[in-house]
Amino acid sequence: MIAEEIGDSYGSPIISGIEQYLRKRDYFFLTVVHRHDPLLLTRYSQLLSERGVEGIITVDTTVQEAPALPTVAVAGHKKLKGVTNITLDHRKAAVLALNHLKDMSHERIAFMKGNPVSSDAQDRWDAICQVAAEIGMKIDPDLTVQIDTDDPTPKLGYPFAKQLLGRKKPFTALFAYNDISAIGAIRALQEQGLRVPQDVSVMGFDDIPGAAFHTPSLTTVRQPLNRMGEVAAQVLLERIEGKKDYPSEIAIEPELVVRESTAKAPGTT
C-alpha cells in the first residue's frame, strides 16, 4: 500500500478497512508513506516490486503511469490501463452540500479549496463550481482561499480562515475542503468573536471520527472511508486471484450529515 499519510484522519479509516478485509483473507501487506515527495513515490514503487508484492493499493496518491502490477487507487482520478479507481461521487456531494446551505438561506459563502497535491482537490472544486452555477449560487473570488499546505491537523484550516477574515468581506457560511480544515477554521472564527453557527455556519467534508464530537458538532459530507478501504482490498484480491474483468472506476455515494455547525443565515427565518 502506497499512502500519502497513515496517521491522518482521512487515511487512517481507509487503511483500517483495507487491513480488516485482508486479514480475513490471510493476506499480508506492506505500507509506505511518500508525503507527496515524487522521488520517494518512484523509489517506493520500485522497492515494493522488488519485494515481490502481487498488487498495489494507493491512497490519496495520483498514479502517473500504467503500473506493471494490478493496482487500485483510492481517490484515484486518472484513467490508466490496469488501475481501478475508487472515487467519491463529487458532483452528488456538491449538490448535497450547496443545497443544504442554500436551504439555510446562505448567499455569502466562503470556500476553502484543497491543496492541489491532494488527489480529490480539483475534482471536488470543479463539482462545486458546476453545481453552484446550476443552482444560481455565486462563488466570490474574494471569499475563496487556496490551501497550500498538507498539515494533517486542524492547523490546516486555521491560517486560511484568518486570511478570509483579514479581507474584511463578510460571509455567513464557510464550506471547508475537509473536516480537519473546518475545525481549524472554527477556532479562527471564534477567536474573532464570531459564533458558530449563529454568526457563521461551517461545513466540512469526510465525516472523520472526531466530527461528531467537536463543539459544535460538525455538519459534513460523509465519505464512507472504511468501506472504501474494504472495497479497494476486495477488488485488488479479485484481480490478483485471476478475475479477468474488472471495473476501471467504482463510484461511492456520499451522504449529508447535518449537525450543530450549520444554521439559518443571520437575519433570515
C-alpha atoms as a PDB file:
ATOM      1  CA  MET A   1       0.000   0.000   0.000  1.00  0.00           C
ATOM      2  CA  ILE A   2       1.310   3.417  -1.016  1.00  0.00           C
ATOM      3  CA  ALA A   3      -0.171   6.272   1.026  1.00  0.00           C
ATOM      4  CA  GLU A   4       0.395   9.996   1.372  1.00  0.00           C
ATOM      5  CA  GLU A   5      -0.023   9.743   5.166  1.00  0.00           C
ATOM      6  CA  ILE A   6      -1.059   6.985   7.580  1.00  0.00           C
ATOM      7  CA  GLY A   7      -1.721   8.922  10.782  1.00  0.00           C
ATOM      8  CA  ASP A   8      -4.207  11.458   9.436  1.00  0.00           C
ATOM      9  CA  SER A   9      -7.965  11.336   9.855  1.00  0.00           C
ATOM     10  CA  TYR A  10      -8.544  10.634   6.144  1.00  0.00           C
ATOM     11  CA  GLY A  11      -6.044   7.843   5.523  1.00  0.00           C
ATOM     12  CA  SER A  12      -6.443   6.004   8.832  1.00  0.00           C
ATOM     13  CA  PRO A  13     -10.013   4.707   8.336  1.00  0.00           C
ATOM     14  CA  ILE A  14      -9.238   3.732   4.727  1.00  0.00           C
ATOM     15  CA  ILE A  15      -6.198   1.767   5.870  1.00  0.00           C
ATOM     16  CA  SER A  16      -8.270   0.200   8.648  1.00  0.00           C
ATOM     17  CA  GLY A  17     -10.810  -1.012   6.078  1.00  0.00           C
ATOM     18  CA  ILE A  18      -8.031  -2.450   3.920  1.00  0.00           C
ATOM     19  CA  GLU A  19      -6.491  -4.234   6.906  1.00  0.00           C
ATOM     20  CA  GLN A  20      -9.810  -5.684   8.091  1.00  0.00           C
ATOM     21  CA  TYR A  21     -10.543  -7.217   4.693  1.00  0.00           C
ATOM     22  CA  LEU A  22      -7.041  -8.538   4.037  1.00  0.00           C
ATOM     23  CA  ARG A  23      -6.757 -10.080   7.496  1.00  0.00           C
ATOM     24  CA  LYS A  24      -9.886 -12.152   6.888  1.00  0.00           C
ATOM     25  CA  ARG A  25      -8.327 -13.467   3.683  1.00  0.00           C
ATOM     26  CA  ASP A  26      -4.908 -14.153   5.274  1.00  0.00           C
ATOM     27  CA  TYR A  27      -3.086 -11.609   3.121  1.00  0.00           C
ATOM     28  CA  PHE A  28      -0.136  -9.599   4.412  1.00  0.00           C
ATOM     29  CA  PHE A  29       0.525  -6.040   3.265  1.00  0.00           C
ATOM     30  CA  LEU A  30       3.407  -3.597   3.377  1.00  0.00           C
ATOM     31  CA  THR A  31       2.829   0.142   3.758  1.00  0.00           C
ATOM     32  CA  VAL A  32       4.976   3.049   2.575  1.00  0.00           C
ATOM     33  CA  VAL A  33       4.359   6.779   3.017  1.00  0.00           C
ATOM     34  CA  HIS A  34       5.524   9.365   0.480  1.00  0.00           C
ATOM     35  CA  ARG A  35       4.074  12.695   1.741  1.00  0.00           C
ATOM     36  CA  HIS A  36       3.779  13.847  -1.884  1.00  0.00           C
ATOM     37  CA  ASP A  37       7.507  13.523  -2.497  1.00  0.00           C
ATOM     38  CA  PRO A  38       7.758  12.374  -6.169  1.00  0.00           C
ATOM     39  CA  LEU A  39      11.211  10.883  -5.672  1.00  0.00           C
ATOM     40  CA  LEU A  40      10.034   8.779  -2.751  1.00  0.00           C
ATOM     41  CA  LEU A  41       6.954   7.733  -4.693  1.00  0.00           C
ATOM     42  CA  THR A  42       9.059   6.420  -7.579  1.00  0.00           C
ATOM     43  CA  ARG A  43      11.503   4.696  -5.264  1.00  0.00           C
ATOM     44  CA  TYR A  44       8.784   3.028  -3.225  1.00  0.00           C
ATOM     45  CA  SER A  45       7.067   1.653  -6.322  1.00  0.00           C
ATOM     46  CA  GLN A  46      10.351   0.034  -7.355  1.00  0.00           C
ATOM     47  CA  LEU A  47      11.045  -1.218  -3.838  1.00  0.00           C
ATOM     48  CA  LEU A  48       7.649  -2.901  -3.466  1.00  0.00           C
ATOM     49  CA  SER A  49       8.054  -4.624  -6.831  1.00  0.00           C
ATOM     50  CA  GLU A  50      11.478  -5.860  -5.780  1.00  0.00           C
ATOM     51  CA  ARG A  51       9.935  -7.276  -2.598  1.00  0.00           C
ATOM     52  CA  GLY A  52       7.590  -9.405  -4.688  1.00  0.00           C
ATOM     53  CA  VAL A  53       4.234  -7.815  -3.899  1.00  0.00           C
ATOM     54  CA  GLU A  54       1.341  -9.092  -6.014  1.00  0.00           C
ATOM     55  CA  GLY A  55      -0.676  -5.875  -6.216  1.00  0.00           C
ATOM     56  CA  ILE A  56      -0.774  -2.262  -5.062  1.00  0.00           C
ATOM     57  CA  ILE A  57      -3.382  -0.051  -3.356  1.00  0.00           C
ATOM     58  CA  THR A  58      -2.719   3.684  -3.397  1.00  0.00           C
ATOM     59  CA  VAL A  59      -4.399   6.163  -1.033  1.00  0.00           C
ATOM     60  CA  ASP A  60      -4.618   9.884  -1.924  1.00  0.00           C
ATOM     61  CA  THR A  61      -1.870   9.297  -4.470  1.00  0.00           C
ATOM     62  CA  THR A  62      -2.054  10.194  -8.148  1.00  0.00           C
ATOM     63  CA  VAL A  63      -0.842   7.282 -10.277  1.00  0.00           C
ATOM     64  CA  GLN A  64       1.075   8.802 -13.177  1.00  0.00           C
ATOM     65  CA  GLU A  65       1.661   5.804 -15.445  1.00  0.00           C
ATOM     66  CA  ALA A  66       0.192   2.383 -16.138  1.00  0.00           C
ATOM     67  CA  PRO A  67       1.565   0.009 -13.482  1.00  0.00           C
ATOM     68  CA  ALA A  68       3.094  -3.418 -14.055  1.00  0.00           C
ATOM     69  CA  LEU A  69       1.024  -4.877 -11.181  1.00  0.00           C
ATOM     70  CA  PRO A  70      -2.750  -4.875 -10.528  1.00  0.00           C
ATOM     71  CA  THR A  71      -3.465  -1.518  -8.898  1.00  0.00           C
ATOM     72  CA  VAL A  72      -6.421   0.015  -7.078  1.00  0.00           C
ATOM     73  CA  ALA A  73      -6.362   3.756  -6.358  1.00  0.00           C
ATOM     74  CA  VAL A  74      -8.488   5.137  -3.520  1.00  0.00           C
ATOM     75  CA  ALA A  75      -9.348   8.697  -4.526  1.00  0.00           C
ATOM     76  CA  GLY A  76      -7.877   7.970  -7.921  1.00  0.00           C
ATOM     77  CA  HIS A  77      -8.997  10.214 -10.772  1.00  0.00           C
ATOM     78  CA  LYS A  78      -6.603   9.463 -13.607  1.00  0.00           C
ATOM     79  CA  LYS A  79      -7.834   6.832 -16.042  1.00  0.00           C
ATOM     80  CA  LEU A  80      -4.991   4.396 -16.713  1.00  0.00           C
ATOM     81  CA  LYS A  81      -4.910   0.861 -18.018  1.00  0.00           C
ATOM     82  CA  GLY A  82      -4.504  -1.582 -15.159  1.00  0.00           C
ATOM     83  CA  VAL A  83      -5.858   0.797 -12.496  1.00  0.00           C
ATOM     84  CA  THR A  84      -9.238   0.598 -10.782  1.00  0.00           C
ATOM     85  CA  ASN A  85     -10.181   3.963  -9.266  1.00  0.00           C
ATOM     86  CA  ILE A  86     -12.303   4.093  -6.105  1.00  0.00           C
ATOM     87  CA  THR A  87     -13.867   7.545  -6.221  1.00  0.00           C
ATOM     88  CA  LEU A  88     -16.483   9.540  -4.398  1.00  0.00           C
ATOM     89  CA  ASP A  89     -19.344  10.974  -6.455  1.00  0.00           C
ATOM     90  CA  HIS A  90     -18.171  14.565  -6.020  1.00  0.00           C
ATOM     91  CA  ARG A  91     -20.997  16.009  -8.057  1.00  0.00           C
ATOM     92  CA  LYS A  92     -23.575  14.498  -5.738  1.00  0.00           C
ATOM     93  CA  ALA A  93     -21.516  15.653  -2.758  1.00  0.00           C
ATOM     94  CA  ALA A  94     -21.599  19.226  -4.072  1.00  0.00           C
ATOM     95  CA  VAL A  95     -25.348  19.002  -4.694  1.00  0.00           C
ATOM     96  CA  LEU A  96     -25.942  17.857  -1.107  1.00  0.00           C
ATOM     97  CA  ALA A  97     -23.676  20.465   0.493  1.00  0.00           C
ATOM     98  CA  LEU A  98     -24.588  23.540  -1.553  1.00  0.00           C
ATOM     99  CA  ASN A  99     -28.309  22.867  -1.476  1.00  0.00           C
ATOM    100  CA  HIS A 100     -28.126  22.498   2.299  1.00  0.00           C
ATOM    101  CA  LEU A 101     -26.517  25.932   2.575  1.00  0.00           C
ATOM    102  CA  LYS A 102     -28.992  27.375   0.086  1.00  0.00           C
ATOM    103  CA  ASP A 103     -31.903  25.934   2.064  1.00  0.00           C
ATOM    104  CA  MET A 104     -30.442  27.713   5.104  1.00  0.00           C
ATOM    105  CA  SER A 105     -30.685  30.994   3.114  1.00  0.00           C
ATOM    106  CA  HIS A 106     -26.914  31.491   2.827  1.00  0.00           C
ATOM    107  CA  GLU A 107     -25.839  33.695  -0.070  1.00  0.00           C
ATOM    108  CA  ARG A 108     -22.414  34.968   1.004  1.00  0.00           C
ATOM    109  CA  ILE A 109     -20.444  31.724   1.243  1.00  0.00           C
ATOM    110  CA  ALA A 110     -16.689  31.404   1.704  1.00  0.00           C
ATOM    111  CA  PHE A 111     -14.800  28.427   0.301  1.00  0.00           C
ATOM    112  CA  MET A 112     -11.532  26.687   1.140  1.00  0.00           C
ATOM    113  CA  LYS A 113     -10.067  24.903  -1.888  1.00  0.00           C
ATOM    114  CA  GLY A 114      -7.980  21.796  -1.259  1.00  0.00           C
ATOM    115  CA  ASN A 115      -4.236  21.616  -1.675  1.00  0.00           C
ATOM    116  CA  PRO A 116      -3.579  20.771  -5.365  1.00  0.00           C
ATOM    117  CA  VAL A 117      -1.407  17.807  -4.347  1.00  0.00           C
ATOM    118  CA  SER A 118      -4.480  16.130  -2.835  1.00  0.00           C
ATOM    119  CA  SER A 119      -5.929  13.787  -5.453  1.00  0.00           C
ATOM    120  CA  ASP A 120      -9.518  14.881  -4.709  1.00  0.00           C
ATOM    121  CA  ALA A 121      -8.901  18.638  -4.748  1.00  0.00           C
ATOM    122  CA  GLN A 122      -9.504  19.528  -8.399  1.00  0.00           C
ATOM    123  CA  ASP A 123     -12.460  17.184  -8.951  1.00  0.00           C
ATOM    124  CA  ARG A 124     -14.156  18.430  -5.793  1.00  0.00           C
ATOM    125  CA  TRP A 125     -13.683  22.084  -6.705  1.00  0.00           C
ATOM    126  CA  ASP A 126     -14.835  21.529 -10.292  1.00  0.00           C
ATOM    127  CA  ALA A 127     -18.008  19.855  -8.984  1.00  0.00           C
ATOM    128  CA  ILE A 128     -18.660  22.707  -6.553  1.00  0.00           C
ATOM    129  CA  CYS A 129     -18.291  25.322  -9.301  1.00  0.00           C
ATOM    130  CA  GLN A 130     -20.544  23.397 -11.674  1.00  0.00           C
ATOM    131  CA  VAL A 131     -23.307  22.824  -9.134  1.00  0.00           C
ATOM    132  CA  ALA A 132     -23.108  26.404  -7.837  1.00  0.00           C
ATOM    133  CA  ALA A 133     -23.674  27.706 -11.365  1.00  0.00           C
ATOM    134  CA  GLU A 134     -26.631  25.375 -11.832  1.00  0.00           C
ATOM    135  CA  ILE A 135     -28.407  26.476  -8.647  1.00  0.00           C
ATOM    136  CA  GLY A 136     -27.607  30.165  -9.050  1.00  0.00           C
ATOM    137  CA  MET A 137     -25.086  30.386  -6.224  1.00  0.00           C
ATOM    138  CA  LYS A 138     -22.312  32.939  -6.659  1.00  0.00           C
ATOM    139  CA  ILE A 139     -18.714  31.996  -5.854  1.00  0.00           C
ATOM    140  CA  ASP A 140     -16.886  35.195  -4.941  1.00  0.00           C
ATOM    141  CA  PRO A 141     -13.097  35.055  -5.565  1.00  0.00           C
ATOM    142  CA  ASP A 142     -12.627  37.359  -2.570  1.00  0.00           C
ATOM    143  CA  LEU A 143     -14.291  34.717  -0.403  1.00  0.00           C
ATOM    144  CA  THR A 144     -12.191  31.845  -1.758  1.00  0.00           C
ATOM    145  CA  VAL A 145      -8.838  30.732  -0.368  1.00  0.00           C
ATOM    146  CA  GLN A 146      -6.421  28.093  -1.596  1.00  0.00           C
ATOM    147  CA  ILE A 147      -4.961  25.712   0.978  1.00  0.00           C
ATOM    148  CA  ASP A 148      -1.313  25.182   0.080  1.00  0.00           C
ATOM    149  CA  THR A 149      -0.039  23.085   2.991  1.00  0.00           C
ATOM    150  CA  ASP A 150      -0.617  19.443   3.877  1.00  0.00           C
ATOM    151  CA  ASP A 151      -0.718  19.619   7.680  1.00  0.00           C
ATOM    152  CA  PRO A 152      -2.827  16.664   8.932  1.00  0.00           C
ATOM    153  CA  THR A 153      -4.009  18.641  11.998  1.00  0.00           C
ATOM    154  CA  PRO A 154      -6.617  21.431  12.377  1.00  0.00           C
ATOM    155  CA  LYS A 155      -3.770  23.871  11.700  1.00  0.00           C
ATOM    156  CA  LEU A 156      -4.582  23.096   8.060  1.00  0.00           C
ATOM    157  CA  GLY A 157      -7.608  25.387   8.106  1.00  0.00           C
ATOM    158  CA  TYR A 158      -6.741  27.920  10.798  1.00  0.00           C
ATOM    159  CA  PRO A 159      -4.440  30.310   8.866  1.00  0.00           C
ATOM    160  CA  PHE A 160      -6.615  30.247   5.754  1.00  0.00           C
ATOM    161  CA  ALA A 161      -9.707  31.172   7.747  1.00  0.00           C
ATOM    162  CA  LYS A 162      -7.594  34.022   9.147  1.00  0.00           C
ATOM    163  CA  GLN A 163      -6.883  35.073   5.552  1.00  0.00           C
ATOM    164  CA  LEU A 164     -10.598  35.184   4.785  1.00  0.00           C
ATOM    165  CA  LEU A 165     -11.340  37.207   7.894  1.00  0.00           C
ATOM    166  CA  GLY A 166      -8.490  39.582   7.076  1.00  0.00           C
ATOM    167  CA  ARG A 167     -10.141  40.523   3.795  1.00  0.00           C
ATOM    168  CA  LYS A 168     -12.930  42.229   5.779  1.00  0.00           C
ATOM    169  CA  LYS A 169     -15.605  40.893   3.455  1.00  0.00           C
ATOM    170  CA  PRO A 170     -18.474  39.402   5.462  1.00  0.00           C
ATOM    171  CA  PHE A 171     -19.760  35.890   4.876  1.00  0.00           C
ATOM    172  CA  THR A 172     -22.430  33.843   6.630  1.00  0.00           C
ATOM    173  CA  ALA A 173     -21.166  30.350   5.793  1.00  0.00           C
ATOM    174  CA  LEU A 174     -17.861  28.606   5.149  1.00  0.00           C
ATOM    175  CA  PHE A 175     -17.517  25.377   3.153  1.00  0.00           C
ATOM    176  CA  ALA A 176     -14.119  23.894   4.025  1.00  0.00           C
ATOM    177  CA  TYR A 177     -12.192  21.372   1.931  1.00  0.00           C
ATOM    178  CA  ASN A 178     -12.355  18.757   4.677  1.00  0.00           C
ATOM    179  CA  ASP A 179     -13.297  18.299   8.313  1.00  0.00           C
ATOM    180  CA  ILE A 180      -9.811  18.968   9.662  1.00  0.00           C
ATOM    181  CA  SER A 181      -9.646  22.354   7.920  1.00  0.00           C
ATOM    182  CA  ALA A 182     -13.210  23.109   9.056  1.00  0.00           C
ATOM    183  CA  ILE A 183     -12.274  22.510  12.705  1.00  0.00           C
ATOM    184  CA  GLY A 184      -9.280  24.818  12.376  1.00  0.00           C
ATOM    185  CA  ALA A 185     -11.487  27.425  10.711  1.00  0.00           C
ATOM    186  CA  ILE A 186     -13.979  27.308  13.588  1.00  0.00           C
ATOM    187  CA  ARG A 187     -11.193  28.160  16.015  1.00  0.00           C
ATOM    188  CA  ALA A 188     -10.191  31.167  13.893  1.00  0.00           C
ATOM    189  CA  LEU A 189     -13.795  32.377  13.711  1.00  0.00           C
ATOM    190  CA  GLN A 190     -14.270  32.031  17.460  1.00  0.00           C
ATOM    191  CA  GLU A 191     -11.078  33.990  18.155  1.00  0.00           C
ATOM    192  CA  GLN A 192     -12.575  36.774  16.060  1.00  0.00           C
ATOM    193  CA  GLY A 193     -15.629  36.805  18.336  1.00  0.00           C
ATOM    194  CA  LEU A 194     -17.889  35.069  15.826  1.00  0.00           C
ATOM    195  CA  ARG A 195     -20.252  32.332  16.959  1.00  0.00           C
ATOM    196  CA  VAL A 196     -20.715  29.097  15.044  1.00  0.00           C
ATOM    197  CA  PRO A 197     -23.384  28.670  13.758  1.00  0.00           C
ATOM    198  CA  GLN A 198     -25.234  31.788  14.963  1.00  0.00           C
ATOM    199  CA  ASP A 199     -22.971  34.194  13.056  1.00  0.00           C
ATOM    200  CA  VAL A 200     -21.222  31.868  10.592  1.00  0.00           C
ATOM    201  CA  SER A 201     -22.171  28.332   9.592  1.00  0.00           C
ATOM    202  CA  VAL A 202     -19.318  25.934   8.874  1.00  0.00           C
ATOM    203  CA  MET A 203     -19.466  22.775   6.759  1.00  0.00           C
ATOM    204  CA  GLY A 204     -16.770  20.148   6.419  1.00  0.00           C
ATOM    205  CA  PHE A 205     -16.160  17.112   4.246  1.00  0.00           C
ATOM    206  CA  ASP A 206     -15.314  13.444   5.059  1.00  0.00           C
ATOM    207  CA  ASP A 207     -17.085  12.872   8.418  1.00  0.00           C
ATOM    208  CA  ILE A 208     -13.952  11.909  10.288  1.00  0.00           C
ATOM    209  CA  PRO A 209     -14.481  10.233  13.695  1.00  0.00           C
ATOM    210  CA  GLY A 210     -13.940  13.490  15.592  1.00  0.00           C
ATOM    211  CA  ALA A 211     -16.511  15.474  13.574  1.00  0.00           C
ATOM    212  CA  ALA A 212     -19.446  14.356  15.721  1.00  0.00           C
ATOM    213  CA  PHE A 213     -17.624  15.154  18.970  1.00  0.00           C
ATOM    214  CA  HIS A 214     -16.263  18.599  18.154  1.00  0.00           C
ATOM    215  CA  THR A 215     -18.005  21.598  19.743  1.00  0.00           C
ATOM    216  CA  PRO A 216     -20.128  22.462  17.867  1.00  0.00           C
ATOM    217  CA  SER A 217     -20.528  19.077  16.193  1.00  0.00           C
ATOM    218  CA  LEU A 218     -19.702  19.383  12.523  1.00  0.00           C
ATOM    219  CA  THR A 219     -22.112  19.327   9.600  1.00  0.00           C
ATOM    220  CA  THR A 220     -20.303  17.500   6.816  1.00  0.00           C
ATOM    221  CA  VAL A 221     -20.460  15.392   3.683  1.00  0.00           C
ATOM    222  CA  ARG A 222     -19.728  11.821   4.668  1.00  0.00           C
ATOM    223  CA  GLN A 223     -17.315   9.665   2.737  1.00  0.00           C
ATOM    224  CA  PRO A 224     -17.571   6.018   3.891  1.00  0.00           C
ATOM    225  CA  LEU A 225     -13.794   5.854   4.260  1.00  0.00           C
ATOM    226  CA  ASN A 226     -13.616   2.474   5.996  1.00  0.00           C
ATOM    227  CA  ARG A 227     -15.881   0.978   3.354  1.00  0.00           C
ATOM    228  CA  MET A 228     -13.771   2.489   0.580  1.00  0.00           C
ATOM    229  CA  GLY A 229     -10.762   0.672   2.009  1.00  0.00           C
ATOM    230  CA  GLU A 230     -12.646  -2.616   2.127  1.00  0.00           C
ATOM    231  CA  VAL A 231     -13.820  -2.221  -1.472  1.00  0.00           C
ATOM    232  CA  ALA A 232     -10.272  -1.438  -2.601  1.00  0.00           C
ATOM    233  CA  ALA A 233      -8.921  -4.564  -0.922  1.00  0.00           C
ATOM    234  CA  GLN A 234     -11.714  -6.740  -2.295  1.00  0.00           C
ATOM    235  CA  VAL A 235     -11.211  -5.550  -5.878  1.00  0.00           C
ATOM    236  CA  LEU A 236      -7.445  -5.977  -5.672  1.00  0.00           C
ATOM    237  CA  LEU A 237      -7.694  -9.548  -4.375  1.00  0.00           C
ATOM    238  CA  GLU A 238     -10.184 -10.443  -7.098  1.00  0.00           C
ATOM    239  CA  ARG A 239      -7.681  -9.204  -9.654  1.00  0.00           C
ATOM    240  CA  ILE A 240      -4.731 -10.978  -8.015  1.00  0.00           C
ATOM    241  CA  GLU A 241      -6.709 -14.213  -7.853  1.00  0.00           C
ATOM    242  CA  GLY A 242      -7.420 -14.162 -11.572  1.00  0.00           C
ATOM    243  CA  LYS A 243     -10.658 -12.278 -12.230  1.00  0.00           C
ATOM    244  CA  LYS A 244     -10.288 -11.085 -15.807  1.00  0.00           C
ATOM    245  CA  ASP A 245     -12.957  -8.390 -15.944  1.00  0.00           C
ATOM    246  CA  TYR A 246     -12.618  -5.516 -13.514  1.00  0.00           C
ATOM    247  CA  PRO A 247     -14.094  -2.020 -13.463  1.00  0.00           C
ATOM    248  CA  SER A 248     -11.957   0.994 -14.287  1.00  0.00           C
ATOM    249  CA  GLU A 249     -13.899   3.032 -11.727  1.00  0.00           C
ATOM    250  CA  ILE A 250     -16.148   2.385  -8.735  1.00  0.00           C
ATOM    251  CA  ALA A 251     -18.130   5.437  -7.558  1.00  0.00           C
ATOM    252  CA  ILE A 252     -19.030   5.631  -3.867  1.00  0.00           C
ATOM    253  CA  GLU A 253     -22.128   7.565  -2.790  1.00  0.00           C
ATOM    254  CA  PRO A 254     -21.713  10.457  -0.322  1.00  0.00           C
ATOM    255  CA  GLU A 255     -24.192  11.347   2.426  1.00  0.00           C
ATOM    256  CA  LEU A 256     -25.087  14.678   4.020  1.00  0.00           C
ATOM    257  CA  VAL A 257     -24.744  14.653   7.825  1.00  0.00           C
ATOM    258  CA  VAL A 258     -26.388  17.680   9.447  1.00  0.00           C
ATOM    259  CA  ARG A 259     -25.177  18.566  12.927  1.00  0.00           C
ATOM    260  CA  GLU A 260     -24.762  21.721  15.011  1.00  0.00           C
ATOM    261  CA  SER A 261     -22.298  23.800  12.970  1.00  0.00           C
ATOM    262  CA  THR A 262     -24.847  24.992  10.362  1.00  0.00           C
ATOM    263  CA  ALA A 263     -27.996  27.017  10.850  1.00  0.00           C
ATOM    264  CA  LYS A 264     -30.138  29.611   9.099  1.00  0.00           C
ATOM    265  CA  ALA A 265     -28.221  32.639   7.862  1.00  0.00           C
ATOM    266  CA  PRO A 266     -28.373  35.568  10.335  1.00  0.00           C
ATOM    267  CA  GLY A 267     -31.377  37.789   9.741  1.00  0.00           C
ATOM    268  CA  THR A 268     -33.430  35.108   7.976  1.00  0.00           C
ATOM    269  CA  THR A 269     -36.258  32.958   9.228  1.00  0.00           C
END
